[in-house]
Amino acid sequence: QVQLVESGGGLVEPGGSLRLSCSGSGRIFRIYRMAWYRQAPGKQRELVGDVSVSGNPTYRDYVRGRFTISRDNAKNTMYLQMNDLKTEDTAVYYCNAPNNIQPWGEGTLVTVSS
């Protein structure tokens, strides 16, 4: 098992940008597809997108064109670059390996508000 730690969240105005990071062990980042999830207050956690071990990302339609997922396996880190943020992007963002779910981290809060 790997402890996953998310960071980089904060307050941002609509249309702004944030870059989130997810860190874990080098082993899991070498072996598994990684994914970003988010959970808004009162809602279920949902998938944002994922990235293969080799770095090929996929996205849900509601973030496609605005968000970019990447990873640096040597640094044991996955990133979520979020551009053109909208108020509906407000949520706690989490990461995990969808094919080998690890204990969930505390997430990082993204608040989009004017």
Protein backbone atom coordinates (compact mmCIF):
# COMPACT_ATOMS: atom_id res chain seq x y z
CA GLN A 1 0.00 0.00 0.00
CA VAL A 2 1.03 3.55 -0.74
CA GLN A 3 0.10 6.75 1.02
CA LEU A 4 -1.03 9.25 -1.59
CA VAL A 5 -0.72 12.95 -0.91
CA GLU A 6 -2.47 15.64 -2.93
CA SER A 7 -1.40 19.27 -2.91
CA GLY A 8 -1.72 22.52 -4.81
CA GLY A 9 -5.33 23.46 -4.20
CA GLY A 10 -6.51 26.87 -3.15
CA LEU A 11 -8.76 29.79 -3.96
CA VAL A 12 -8.96 30.98 -7.54
CA GLU A 13 -11.23 33.24 -9.55
CA PRO A 14 -13.34 31.88 -12.41
CA GLY A 15 -11.18 31.59 -15.49
CA GLY A 16 -8.06 31.15 -13.43
CA SER A 17 -5.64 28.25 -13.22
CA LEU A 18 -4.21 25.87 -10.66
CA ARG A 19 -1.71 23.05 -10.81
CA LEU A 20 -2.31 20.11 -8.49
CA SER A 21 0.21 17.46 -7.57
CA CYS A 22 -0.21 13.88 -6.39
CA SER A 23 2.72 12.11 -4.84
CA GLY A 24 3.22 8.46 -3.94
CA SER A 25 5.81 5.74 -4.16
CA GLY A 26 8.05 5.31 -7.16
CA ARG A 27 6.87 1.74 -7.50
CA ILE A 28 3.20 2.56 -8.00
CA PHE A 29 4.04 5.33 -10.44
CA ARG A 30 6.17 2.94 -12.47
CA ILE A 31 3.52 0.23 -12.61
CA TYR A 32 -0.03 1.62 -12.61
CA ARG A 33 -2.29 3.95 -14.45
CA MET A 34 -3.09 6.90 -12.19
CA ALA A 35 -6.25 8.96 -12.02
CA TRP A 36 -7.64 12.18 -10.62
CA TYR A 37 -11.00 12.26 -8.88
CA ARG A 38 -13.01 15.02 -7.28
CA GLN A 39 -15.82 15.28 -4.79
CA ALA A 40 -17.99 18.32 -4.30
CA PRO A 41 -19.86 18.85 -1.02
CA GLY A 42 -22.90 16.60 -0.83
CA LYS A 43 -21.96 14.70 -3.98
CA GLN A 44 -20.26 11.42 -4.77
CA ARG A 45 -16.66 11.22 -5.83
CA GLU A 46 -16.31 11.28 -9.60
CA LEU A 47 -13.53 10.56 -12.06
CA VAL A 48 -11.84 13.56 -13.65
CA GLY A 49 -9.38 11.73 -15.88
CA ASP A 50 -6.40 9.45 -15.85
CA VAL A 51 -2.98 8.93 -17.35
CA SER A 52 -1.26 5.73 -18.41
CA VAL A 53 2.14 4.69 -17.15
CA SER A 54 3.62 5.92 -20.42
CA GLY A 55 1.93 9.31 -20.04
CA ASN A 56 -1.13 9.11 -22.29
CA PRO A 57 -4.06 10.95 -20.68
CA THR A 58 -7.81 10.59 -21.01
CA TYR A 59 -10.49 12.94 -19.69
CA ARG A 60 -14.12 13.12 -18.84
CA ASP A 61 -16.07 15.35 -21.19
CA TYR A 62 -16.78 18.04 -18.63
CA VAL A 63 -13.08 18.88 -18.23
CA ARG A 64 -11.75 18.00 -21.66
CA GLY A 65 -10.00 20.96 -23.25
CA ARG A 66 -9.45 22.70 -19.92
CA PHE A 67 -7.52 20.20 -17.81
CA THR A 68 -4.25 18.42 -18.56
CA ILE A 69 -3.03 15.34 -16.72
CA SER A 70 0.61 14.37 -16.77
CA ARG A 71 3.03 12.36 -14.70
CA ASP A 72 6.70 12.23 -13.87
CA ASN A 73 7.40 8.71 -12.74
CA ALA A 74 10.96 9.51 -11.74
CA LYS A 75 9.60 12.10 -9.30
CA ASN A 76 6.78 9.84 -8.08
CA THR A 77 4.30 12.52 -9.04
CA MET A 78 1.19 13.05 -11.14
CA TYR A 79 -0.08 16.51 -12.05
CA LEU A 80 -3.38 18.10 -12.90
CA GLN A 81 -3.10 21.42 -14.70
CA MET A 82 -6.47 23.13 -14.51
CA ASN A 83 -7.18 26.10 -16.77
CA ASP A 84 -10.31 28.16 -17.32
CA LEU A 85 -11.66 27.06 -13.98
CA LYS A 86 -15.37 27.29 -13.38
CA THR A 87 -17.34 27.53 -10.17
CA GLU A 88 -18.62 24.00 -10.74
CA ASP A 89 -15.03 22.75 -10.53
CA THR A 90 -15.09 23.51 -6.82
CA ALA A 91 -14.36 20.24 -5.03
CA VAL A 92 -11.83 18.27 -3.08
CA TYR A 93 -9.49 16.62 -5.56
CA TYR A 94 -8.02 13.17 -4.96
CA CYS A 95 -5.73 10.81 -6.79
CA ASN A 96 -5.44 7.05 -6.91
CA ALA A 97 -4.58 4.06 -9.08
CA PRO A 98 -7.90 2.86 -10.51
CA ASN A 99 -6.60 -0.66 -11.14
CA ASN A 100 -5.08 -0.98 -7.69
CA ILE A 101 -6.89 1.34 -5.31
CA GLN A 102 -4.75 2.57 -2.44
CA PRO A 103 -5.87 4.23 0.78
CA TRP A 104 -7.34 7.60 -0.12
CA GLY A 105 -5.42 10.69 0.79
CA GLU A 106 -7.00 13.74 2.36
CA GLY A 107 -7.31 15.44 -1.00
CA THR A 108 -6.69 19.07 -1.83
CA LEU A 109 -9.47 21.64 -1.89
CA VAL A 110 -10.05 23.72 -4.99
CA THR A 111 -12.42 26.64 -4.54
CA VAL A 112 -13.40 28.66 -7.60
CA SER A 113 -15.15 31.87 -6.66
CA SER A 114 -15.15 35.54 -7.50
